[in-house]
Amino acid sequence: MQDKMKNRKAVRHAAALQYSPETDAAPRVVATGKGIVAEKIIEKAIEADVPVYQNTSLAKTLSSLGIGDQIPPEIYEVVAEILIFIGSVDKSYRDDL
């Protein structure tokens, strides 16, 4: 059984968030997917020079939300930490806040 588990490739999840402090009370989900769709979301983000942050459990949680949904208060803290991280590595993002 363990050999089968080792050979199985984990299905990737991805979610994209958009946040504008002037208009949004909280970040909104603008894309979600798993498998090939997740790979395409990540690929498009990289092509557009959008920072990509990897957190499997958060991606799975966000993927359960609908497009346009605001993130729930339960994950504000972790998403805030990600936004701070992105702001520290992406000057153009930091300048927009």
PDB file of N, CA and C in Angstrom:
ATOM      1  N   MET A   1       0.826  -1.195   0.000  1.00  0.00           N
ATOM      2  CA  MET A   1       0.000   0.000   0.000  1.00  0.00           C
ATOM      3  C   MET A   1       0.867   1.254   0.000  1.00  0.00           C
ATOM      4  N   GLN A   2       1.938   1.258   0.800  1.00  0.00           N
ATOM      5  CA  GLN A   2       2.797   2.429   0.845  1.00  0.00           C
ATOM      6  C   GLN A   2       3.442   2.696  -0.504  1.00  0.00           C
ATOM      7  N   ASP A   3       3.785   1.654  -1.259  1.00  0.00           N
ATOM      8  CA  ASP A   3       4.373   1.849  -2.576  1.00  0.00           C
ATOM      9  C   ASP A   3       3.420   2.591  -3.502  1.00  0.00           C
ATOM     10  N   LYS A   4       2.129   2.264  -3.417  1.00  0.00           N
ATOM     11  CA  LYS A   4       1.145   2.971  -4.239  1.00  0.00           C
ATOM     12  C   LYS A   4       1.076   4.435  -3.847  1.00  0.00           C
ATOM     13  N   MET A   5       1.145   4.719  -2.554  1.00  0.00           N
ATOM     14  CA  MET A   5       1.088   6.101  -2.083  1.00  0.00           C
ATOM     15  C   MET A   5       2.318   6.887  -2.538  1.00  0.00           C
ATOM     16  N   LYS A   6       3.470   6.251  -2.553  1.00  0.00           N
ATOM     17  CA  LYS A   6       4.691   6.916  -2.990  1.00  0.00           C
ATOM     18  C   LYS A   6       4.642   7.250  -4.475  1.00  0.00           C
ATOM     19  N   ASN A   7       4.015   6.387  -5.258  1.00  0.00           N
ATOM     20  CA  ASN A   7       3.962   6.571  -6.705  1.00  0.00           C
ATOM     21  C   ASN A   7       2.883   7.551  -7.140  1.00  0.00           C
ATOM     22  N   ARG A   8       1.932   7.816  -6.275  1.00  0.00           N
ATOM     23  CA  ARG A   8       0.854   8.753  -6.620  1.00  0.00           C
ATOM     24  C   ARG A   8       1.357  10.175  -6.501  1.00  0.00           C
ATOM     25  N   LYS A   9       1.130  10.940  -7.531  1.00  0.00           N
ATOM     26  CA  LYS A   9       1.519  12.339  -7.508  1.00  0.00           C
ATOM     27  C   LYS A   9       0.397  13.122  -6.829  1.00  0.00           C
ATOM     28  N   ALA A  10       0.766  13.962  -5.908  1.00  0.00           N
ATOM     29  CA  ALA A  10      -0.234  14.774  -5.209  1.00  0.00           C
ATOM     30  C   ALA A  10      -0.887  15.740  -6.190  1.00  0.00           C
ATOM     31  N   VAL A  11      -2.188  15.896  -6.059  1.00  0.00           N
ATOM     32  CA  VAL A  11      -2.918  16.832  -6.899  1.00  0.00           C
ATOM     33  C   VAL A  11      -2.681  18.230  -6.348  1.00  0.00           C
ATOM     34  N   ARG A  12      -2.242  19.103  -7.194  1.00  0.00           N
ATOM     35  CA  ARG A  12      -1.965  20.478  -6.795  1.00  0.00           C
ATOM     36  C   ARG A  12      -3.241  21.302  -6.776  1.00  0.00           C
ATOM     37  N   HIS A  13      -3.313  22.206  -5.821  1.00  0.00           N
ATOM     38  CA  HIS A  13      -4.401  23.173  -5.727  1.00  0.00           C
ATOM     39  C   HIS A  13      -3.804  24.560  -5.857  1.00  0.00           C
ATOM     40  N   ALA A  14      -4.576  25.472  -6.421  1.00  0.00           N
ATOM     41  CA  ALA A  14      -4.115  26.856  -6.526  1.00  0.00           C
ATOM     42  C   ALA A  14      -5.316  27.785  -6.409  1.00  0.00           C
ATOM     43  N   ALA A  15      -5.036  28.964  -5.888  1.00  0.00           N
ATOM     44  CA  ALA A  15      -6.061  29.997  -5.800  1.00  0.00           C
ATOM     45  C   ALA A  15      -5.383  31.337  -6.019  1.00  0.00           C
ATOM     46  N   ALA A  16      -6.097  32.240  -6.628  1.00  0.00           N
ATOM     47  CA  ALA A  16      -5.588  33.594  -6.842  1.00  0.00           C
ATOM     48  C   ALA A  16      -6.494  34.556  -6.094  1.00  0.00           C
ATOM     49  N   LEU A  17      -5.871  35.492  -5.407  1.00  0.00           N
ATOM     50  CA  LEU A  17      -6.612  36.491  -4.641  1.00  0.00           C
ATOM     51  C   LEU A  17      -6.368  37.872  -5.221  1.00  0.00           C
ATOM     52  N   GLN A  18      -7.344  38.722  -5.047  1.00  0.00           N
ATOM     53  CA  GLN A  18      -7.213  40.126  -5.427  1.00  0.00           C
ATOM     54  C   GLN A  18      -7.626  40.943  -4.222  1.00  0.00           C
ATOM     55  N   TYR A  19      -6.874  41.994  -3.951  1.00  0.00           N
ATOM     56  CA  TYR A  19      -7.211  42.835  -2.806  1.00  0.00           C
ATOM     57  C   TYR A  19      -6.881  44.283  -3.110  1.00  0.00           C
ATOM     58  N   SER A  20      -7.872  45.112  -2.950  1.00  0.00           N
ATOM     59  CA  SER A  20      -7.710  46.550  -3.096  1.00  0.00           C
ATOM     60  C   SER A  20      -8.245  47.186  -1.815  1.00  0.00           C
ATOM     61  N   PRO A  21      -7.364  47.699  -0.956  1.00  0.00           N
ATOM     62  CA  PRO A  21      -7.812  48.247   0.334  1.00  0.00           C
ATOM     63  C   PRO A  21      -8.860  49.356   0.196  1.00  0.00           C
ATOM     64  N   GLU A  22      -8.836  50.060  -0.923  1.00  0.00           N
ATOM     65  CA  GLU A  22      -9.800  51.156  -1.119  1.00  0.00           C
ATOM     66  C   GLU A  22     -11.228  50.657  -1.340  1.00  0.00           C
ATOM     67  N   THR A  23     -11.360  49.483  -1.929  1.00  0.00           N
ATOM     68  CA  THR A  23     -12.700  49.012  -2.296  1.00  0.00           C
ATOM     69  C   THR A  23     -13.128  47.701  -1.641  1.00  0.00           C
ATOM     70  N   ASP A  24     -12.166  46.926  -1.137  1.00  0.00           N
ATOM     71  CA  ASP A  24     -12.489  45.604  -0.587  1.00  0.00           C
ATOM     72  C   ASP A  24     -12.305  45.564   0.923  1.00  0.00           C
ATOM     73  N   ALA A  25     -13.273  44.971   1.608  1.00  0.00           N
ATOM     74  CA  ALA A  25     -13.139  44.757   3.052  1.00  0.00           C
ATOM     75  C   ALA A  25     -12.142  43.641   3.337  1.00  0.00           C
ATOM     76  N   ALA A  26     -12.024  42.712   2.415  1.00  0.00           N
ATOM     77  CA  ALA A  26     -11.104  41.574   2.547  1.00  0.00           C
ATOM     78  C   ALA A  26     -10.713  41.113   1.150  1.00  0.00           C
ATOM     79  N   PRO A  27      -9.606  40.378   1.031  1.00  0.00           N
ATOM     80  CA  PRO A  27      -9.225  39.837  -0.276  1.00  0.00           C
ATOM     81  C   PRO A  27     -10.337  38.961  -0.855  1.00  0.00           C
ATOM     82  N   ARG A  28     -10.438  38.973  -2.171  1.00  0.00           N
ATOM     83  CA  ARG A  28     -11.441  38.179  -2.888  1.00  0.00           C
ATOM     84  C   ARG A  28     -10.764  37.100  -3.725  1.00  0.00           C
ATOM     85  N   VAL A  29     -11.454  35.987  -3.869  1.00  0.00           N
ATOM     86  CA  VAL A  29     -10.974  34.890  -4.706  1.00  0.00           C
ATOM     87  C   VAL A  29     -11.312  35.234  -6.157  1.00  0.00           C
ATOM     88  N   VAL A  30     -10.278  35.218  -7.015  1.00  0.00           N
ATOM     89  CA  VAL A  30     -10.516  35.521  -8.431  1.00  0.00           C
ATOM     90  C   VAL A  30     -10.269  34.312  -9.329  1.00  0.00           C
ATOM     91  N   ALA A  31      -9.644  33.263  -8.781  1.00  0.00           N
ATOM     92  CA  ALA A  31      -9.451  32.023  -9.546  1.00  0.00           C
ATOM     93  C   ALA A  31      -9.129  30.896  -8.572  1.00  0.00           C
ATOM     94  N   THR A  32      -9.626  29.718  -8.870  1.00  0.00           N
ATOM     95  CA  THR A  32      -9.286  28.526  -8.103  1.00  0.00           C
ATOM     96  C   THR A  32      -9.228  27.337  -9.047  1.00  0.00           C
ATOM     97  N   GLY A  33      -8.483  26.333  -8.653  1.00  0.00           N
ATOM     98  CA  GLY A  33      -8.446  25.127  -9.460  1.00  0.00           C
ATOM     99  C   GLY A  33      -7.567  24.075  -8.832  1.00  0.00           C
ATOM    100  N   LYS A  34      -7.664  22.869  -9.379  1.00  0.00           N
ATOM    101  CA  LYS A  34      -6.783  21.791  -8.959  1.00  0.00           C
ATOM    102  C   LYS A  34      -6.296  21.060 -10.188  1.00  0.00           C
ATOM    103  N   GLY A  35      -5.205  20.342 -10.010  1.00  0.00           N
ATOM    104  CA  GLY A  35      -4.633  19.603 -11.133  1.00  0.00           C
ATOM    105  C   GLY A  35      -4.136  20.529 -12.233  1.00  0.00           C
ATOM    106  N   ILE A  36      -4.538  20.238 -13.454  1.00  0.00           N
ATOM    107  CA  ILE A  36      -4.094  21.013 -14.617  1.00  0.00           C
ATOM    108  C   ILE A  36      -4.531  22.468 -14.504  1.00  0.00           C
ATOM    109  N   VAL A  37      -5.718  22.718 -13.986  1.00  0.00           N
ATOM    110  CA  VAL A  37      -6.200  24.099 -13.833  1.00  0.00           C
ATOM    111  C   VAL A  37      -5.312  24.847 -12.839  1.00  0.00           C
ATOM    112  N   ALA A  38      -4.919  24.195 -11.767  1.00  0.00           N
ATOM    113  CA  ALA A  38      -4.015  24.814 -10.792  1.00  0.00           C
ATOM    114  C   ALA A  38      -2.678  25.149 -11.448  1.00  0.00           C
ATOM    115  N   GLU A  39      -2.163  24.230 -12.230  1.00  0.00           N
ATOM    116  CA  GLU A  39      -0.902  24.470 -12.932  1.00  0.00           C
ATOM    117  C   GLU A  39      -1.015  25.690 -13.849  1.00  0.00           C
ATOM    118  N   LYS A  40      -2.141  25.829 -14.529  1.00  0.00           N
ATOM    119  CA  LYS A  40      -2.348  26.975 -15.433  1.00  0.00           C
ATOM    120  C   LYS A  40      -2.441  28.287 -14.646  1.00  0.00           C
ATOM    121  N   ILE A  41      -3.099  28.261 -13.494  1.00  0.00           N
ATOM    122  CA  ILE A  41      -3.192  29.466 -12.654  1.00  0.00           C
ATOM    123  C   ILE A  41      -1.789  29.908 -12.246  1.00  0.00           C
ATOM    124  N   ILE A  42      -0.982  28.955 -11.808  1.00  0.00           N
ATOM    125  CA  ILE A  42       0.385  29.259 -11.389  1.00  0.00           C
ATOM    126  C   ILE A  42       1.209  29.761 -12.579  1.00  0.00           C
ATOM    127  N   GLU A  43       1.067  29.095 -13.707  1.00  0.00           N
ATOM    128  CA  GLU A  43       1.794  29.488 -14.923  1.00  0.00           C
ATOM    129  C   GLU A  43       1.449  30.917 -15.331  1.00  0.00           C
ATOM    130  N   LYS A  44       0.163  31.255 -15.330  1.00  0.00           N
ATOM    131  CA  LYS A  44      -0.274  32.602 -15.711  1.00  0.00           C
ATOM    132  C   LYS A  44       0.224  33.645 -14.719  1.00  0.00           C
ATOM    133  N   ALA A  45       0.246  33.304 -13.445  1.00  0.00           N
ATOM    134  CA  ALA A  45       0.756  34.238 -12.438  1.00  0.00           C
ATOM    135  C   ALA A  45       2.232  34.525 -12.685  1.00  0.00           C
ATOM    136  N   ILE A  46       3.001  33.485 -12.941  1.00  0.00           N
ATOM    137  CA  ILE A  46       4.434  33.660 -13.197  1.00  0.00           C
ATOM    138  C   ILE A  46       4.648  34.501 -14.456  1.00  0.00           C
ATOM    139  N   GLU A  47       3.887  34.202 -15.517  1.00  0.00           N
ATOM    140  CA  GLU A  47       4.001  34.977 -16.759  1.00  0.00           C
ATOM    141  C   GLU A  47       3.688  36.454 -16.534  1.00  0.00           C
ATOM    142  N   ALA A  48       2.734  36.737 -15.652  1.00  0.00           N
ATOM    143  CA  ALA A  48       2.323  38.117 -15.384  1.00  0.00           C
ATOM    144  C   ALA A  48       3.160  38.761 -14.278  1.00  0.00           C
ATOM    145  N   ASP A  49       4.184  38.060 -13.823  1.00  0.00           N
ATOM    146  CA  ASP A  49       5.069  38.553 -12.760  1.00  0.00           C
ATOM    147  C   ASP A  49       4.305  38.831 -11.466  1.00  0.00           C
ATOM    148  N   VAL A  50       3.307  37.983 -11.202  1.00  0.00           N
ATOM    149  CA  VAL A  50       2.545  38.055  -9.952  1.00  0.00           C
ATOM    150  C   VAL A  50       3.224  37.131  -8.953  1.00  0.00           C
ATOM    151  N   PRO A  51       3.478  37.613  -7.728  1.00  0.00           N
ATOM    152  CA  PRO A  51       4.134  36.743  -6.738  1.00  0.00           C
ATOM    153  C   PRO A  51       3.309  35.486  -6.464  1.00  0.00           C
ATOM    154  N   VAL A  52       4.005  34.369  -6.338  1.00  0.00           N
ATOM    155  CA  VAL A  52       3.370  33.081  -6.045  1.00  0.00           C
ATOM    156  C   VAL A  52       3.869  32.627  -4.680  1.00  0.00           C
ATOM    157  N   TYR A  53       2.932  32.263  -3.822  1.00  0.00           N
ATOM    158  CA  TYR A  53       3.245  31.802  -2.471  1.00  0.00           C
ATOM    159  C   TYR A  53       2.673  30.406  -2.321  1.00  0.00           C
ATOM    160  N   GLN A  54       3.480  29.468  -1.863  1.00  0.00           N
ATOM    161  CA  GLN A  54       3.030  28.085  -1.760  1.00  0.00           C
ATOM    162  C   GLN A  54       2.621  27.737  -0.336  1.00  0.00           C
ATOM    163  N   ASN A  55       1.351  27.330  -0.189  1.00  0.00           N
ATOM    164  CA  ASN A  55       0.820  26.850   1.080  1.00  0.00           C
ATOM    165  C   ASN A  55      -0.330  25.907   0.719  1.00  0.00           C
ATOM    166  N   THR A  56      -0.050  24.627   0.738  1.00  0.00           N
ATOM    167  CA  THR A  56      -1.003  23.625   0.251  1.00  0.00           C
ATOM    168  C   THR A  56      -2.334  23.661   0.988  1.00  0.00           C
ATOM    169  N   SER A  57      -2.306  23.715   2.307  1.00  0.00           N
ATOM    170  CA  SER A  57      -3.569  23.679   3.049  1.00  0.00           C
ATOM    171  C   SER A  57      -4.389  24.947   2.802  1.00  0.00           C
ATOM    172  N   LEU A  58      -3.730  26.097   2.696  1.00  0.00           N
ATOM    173  CA  LEU A  58      -4.455  27.334   2.397  1.00  0.00           C
ATOM    174  C   LEU A  58      -5.039  27.285   0.989  1.00  0.00           C
ATOM    175  N   ALA A  59      -4.273  26.772   0.032  1.00  0.00           N
ATOM    176  CA  ALA A  59      -4.780  26.660  -1.338  1.00  0.00           C
ATOM    177  C   ALA A  59      -6.020  25.772  -1.394  1.00  0.00           C
ATOM    178  N   LYS A  60      -6.011  24.680  -0.649  1.00  0.00           N
ATOM    179  CA  LYS A  60      -7.184  23.801  -0.611  1.00  0.00           C
ATOM    180  C   LYS A  60      -8.383  24.527  -0.003  1.00  0.00           C
ATOM    181  N   THR A  61      -8.144  25.277   1.068  1.00  0.00           N
ATOM    182  CA  THR A  61      -9.230  26.028   1.707  1.00  0.00           C
ATOM    183  C   THR A  61      -9.796  27.065   0.753  1.00  0.00           C
ATOM    184  N   LEU A  62      -8.912  27.821   0.109  1.00  0.00           N
ATOM    185  CA  LEU A  62      -9.367  28.861  -0.821  1.00  0.00           C
ATOM    186  C   LEU A  62     -10.080  28.262  -2.027  1.00  0.00           C
ATOM    187  N   SER A  63      -9.639  27.073  -2.449  1.00  0.00           N
ATOM    188  CA  SER A  63     -10.274  26.421  -3.597  1.00  0.00           C
ATOM    189  C   SER A  63     -11.711  26.000  -3.316  1.00  0.00           C
ATOM    190  N   SER A  64     -12.065  25.921  -2.045  1.00  0.00           N
ATOM    191  CA  SER A  64     -13.440  25.553  -1.707  1.00  0.00           C
ATOM    192  C   SER A  64     -14.390  26.750  -1.762  1.00  0.00           C
ATOM    193  N   LEU A  65     -13.822  27.951  -1.907  1.00  0.00           N
ATOM    194  CA  LEU A  65     -14.647  29.165  -1.999  1.00  0.00           C
ATOM    195  C   LEU A  65     -15.043  29.422  -3.438  1.00  0.00           C
ATOM    196  N   GLY A  66     -16.050  30.238  -3.626  1.00  0.00           N
ATOM    197  CA  GLY A  66     -16.491  30.589  -4.965  1.00  0.00           C
ATOM    198  C   GLY A  66     -15.746  31.803  -5.499  1.00  0.00           C
ATOM    199  N   ILE A  67     -15.717  31.918  -6.802  1.00  0.00           N
ATOM    200  CA  ILE A  67     -15.103  33.082  -7.441  1.00  0.00           C
ATOM    201  C   ILE A  67     -15.873  34.332  -7.002  1.00  0.00           C
ATOM    202  N   GLY A  68     -15.123  35.337  -6.573  1.00  0.00           N
ATOM    203  CA  GLY A  68     -15.731  36.576  -6.097  1.00  0.00           C
ATOM    204  C   GLY A  68     -15.980  36.610  -4.601  1.00  0.00           C
ATOM    205  N   ASP A  69     -15.894  35.452  -3.944  1.00  0.00           N
ATOM    206  CA  ASP A  69     -16.090  35.404  -2.489  1.00  0.00           C
ATOM    207  C   ASP A  69     -14.940  36.090  -1.772  1.00  0.00           C
ATOM    208  N   GLN A  70     -15.269  36.788  -0.698  1.00  0.00           N
ATOM    209  CA  GLN A  70     -14.229  37.310   0.174  1.00  0.00           C
ATOM    210  C   GLN A  70     -13.716  36.169   1.041  1.00  0.00           C
ATOM    211  N   ILE A  71     -12.446  36.251   1.424  1.00  0.00           N
ATOM    212  CA  ILE A  71     -11.922  35.207   2.293  1.00  0.00           C
ATOM    213  C   ILE A  71     -12.631  35.294   3.641  1.00  0.00           C
ATOM    214  N   PRO A  72     -12.825  34.157   4.303  1.00  0.00           N
ATOM    215  CA  PRO A  72     -13.501  34.171   5.604  1.00  0.00           C
ATOM    216  C   PRO A  72     -12.573  34.710   6.707  1.00  0.00           C
ATOM    217  N   PRO A  73     -13.155  35.298   7.744  1.00  0.00           N
ATOM    218  CA  PRO A  73     -12.349  35.849   8.844  1.00  0.00           C
ATOM    219  C   PRO A  73     -11.385  34.837   9.469  1.00  0.00           C
ATOM    220  N   GLU A  74     -11.713  33.569   9.417  1.00  0.00           N
ATOM    221  CA  GLU A  74     -10.864  32.535  10.025  1.00  0.00           C
ATOM    222  C   GLU A  74      -9.472  32.481   9.402  1.00  0.00           C
ATOM    223  N   ILE A  75      -9.325  32.949   8.165  1.00  0.00           N
ATOM    224  CA  ILE A  75      -8.004  32.879   7.522  1.00  0.00           C
ATOM    225  C   ILE A  75      -7.390  34.262   7.278  1.00  0.00           C
ATOM    226  N   TYR A  76      -7.982  35.310   7.863  1.00  0.00           N
ATOM    227  CA  TYR A  76      -7.419  36.658   7.725  1.00  0.00           C
ATOM    228  C   TYR A  76      -5.946  36.698   8.119  1.00  0.00           C
ATOM    229  N   GLU A  77      -5.623  36.102   9.267  1.00  0.00           N
ATOM    230  CA  GLU A  77      -4.257  36.210   9.789  1.00  0.00           C
ATOM    231  C   GLU A  77      -3.235  35.606   8.830  1.00  0.00           C
ATOM    232  N   VAL A  78      -3.520  34.405   8.326  1.00  0.00           N
ATOM    233  CA  VAL A  78      -2.556  33.758   7.437  1.00  0.00           C
ATOM    234  C   VAL A  78      -2.443  34.512   6.112  1.00  0.00           C
ATOM    235  N   VAL A  79      -3.551  35.019   5.596  1.00  0.00           N
ATOM    236  CA  VAL A  79      -3.511  35.787   4.353  1.00  0.00           C
ATOM    237  C   VAL A  79      -2.786  37.115   4.579  1.00  0.00           C
ATOM    238  N   ALA A  80      -2.992  37.735   5.723  1.00  0.00           N
ATOM    239  CA  ALA A  80      -2.265  38.974   6.043  1.00  0.00           C
ATOM    240  C   ALA A  80      -0.765  38.720   6.068  1.00  0.00           C
ATOM    241  N   GLU A  81      -0.341  37.597   6.631  1.00  0.00           N
ATOM    242  CA  GLU A  81       1.085  37.250   6.655  1.00  0.00           C
ATOM    243  C   GLU A  81       1.626  37.095   5.235  1.00  0.00           C
ATOM    244  N   ILE A  82       0.827  36.519   4.354  1.00  0.00           N
ATOM    245  CA  ILE A  82       1.241  36.352   2.965  1.00  0.00           C
ATOM    246  C   ILE A  82       1.350  37.719   2.281  1.00  0.00           C
ATOM    247  N   LEU A  83       0.370  38.590   2.510  1.00  0.00           N
ATOM    248  CA  LEU A  83       0.420  39.922   1.910  1.00  0.00           C
ATOM    249  C   LEU A  83       1.644  40.702   2.395  1.00  0.00           C
ATOM    250  N   ILE A  84       1.981  40.547   3.657  1.00  0.00           N
ATOM    251  CA  ILE A  84       3.185  41.196   4.193  1.00  0.00           C
ATOM    252  C   ILE A  84       4.425  40.620   3.519  1.00  0.00           C
ATOM    253  N   PHE A  85       4.464  39.305   3.368  1.00  0.00           N
ATOM    254  CA  PHE A  85       5.590  38.659   2.694  1.00  0.00           C
ATOM    255  C   PHE A  85       5.723  39.174   1.264  1.00  0.00           C
ATOM    256  N   ILE A  86       4.615  39.198   0.540  1.00  0.00           N
ATOM    257  CA  ILE A  86       4.643  39.669  -0.849  1.00  0.00           C
ATOM    258  C   ILE A  86       5.111  41.118  -0.905  1.00  0.00           C
ATOM    259  N   GLY A  87       4.610  41.931   0.013  1.00  0.00           N
ATOM    260  CA  GLY A  87       5.034  43.320   0.053  1.00  0.00           C
ATOM    261  C   GLY A  87       6.522  43.479   0.305  1.00  0.00           C
ATOM    262  N   SER A  88       7.102  42.536   1.033  1.00  0.00           N
ATOM    263  CA  SER A  88       8.544  42.634   1.328  1.00  0.00           C
ATOM    264  C   SER A  88       9.406  42.233   0.138  1.00  0.00           C
ATOM    265  N   VAL A  89       8.873  41.418  -0.770  1.00  0.00           N
ATOM    266  CA  VAL A  89       9.664  40.964  -1.917  1.00  0.00           C
ATOM    267  C   VAL A  89       9.251  41.596  -3.240  1.00  0.00           C
ATOM    268  N   ASP A  90       8.127  42.260  -3.272  1.00  0.00           N
ATOM    269  CA  ASP A  90       7.625  42.835  -4.521  1.00  0.00           C
ATOM    270  C   ASP A  90       7.372  44.329  -4.329  1.00  0.00           C
ATOM    271  N   LYS A  91       8.316  45.141  -4.749  1.00  0.00           N
ATOM    272  CA  LYS A  91       8.223  46.579  -4.544  1.00  0.00           C
ATOM    273  C   LYS A  91       6.976  47.170  -5.208  1.00  0.00           C
ATOM    274  N   SER A  92       6.612  46.701  -6.398  1.00  0.00           N
ATOM    275  CA  SER A  92       5.449  47.275  -7.072  1.00  0.00           C
ATOM    276  C   SER A  92       4.166  47.014  -6.295  1.00  0.00           C
ATOM    277  N   TYR A  93       4.065  45.841  -5.661  1.00  0.00           N
ATOM    278  CA  TYR A  93       2.896  45.539  -4.842  1.00  0.00           C
ATOM    279  C   TYR A  93       2.878  46.447  -3.606  1.00  0.00           C
ATOM    280  N   ARG A  94       4.035  46.560  -2.956  1.00  0.00           N
ATOM    281  CA  ARG A  94       4.154  47.360  -1.750  1.00  0.00           C
ATOM    282  C   ARG A  94       3.772  48.806  -2.041  1.00  0.00           C
ATOM    283  N   ASP A  95       4.155  49.339  -3.177  1.00  0.00           N
ATOM    284  CA  ASP A  95       3.848  50.711  -3.532  1.00  0.00           C
ATOM    285  C   ASP A  95       2.348  50.930  -3.741  1.00  0.00           C
ATOM    286  N   ASP A  96       1.604  49.874  -4.077  1.00  0.00           N
ATOM    287  CA  ASP A  96       0.169  49.979  -4.314  1.00  0.00           C
ATOM    288  C   ASP A  96      -0.627  50.017  -3.020  1.00  0.00           C
ATOM    289  N   LEU A  97      -0.044  49.531  -1.916  1.00  0.00           N
ATOM    290  CA  LEU A  97      -0.790  49.495  -0.644  1.00  0.00           C
ATOM    291  C   LEU A  97      -0.881  50.837   0.007  1.00  0.00           C
TER     292      LEU A  97
END
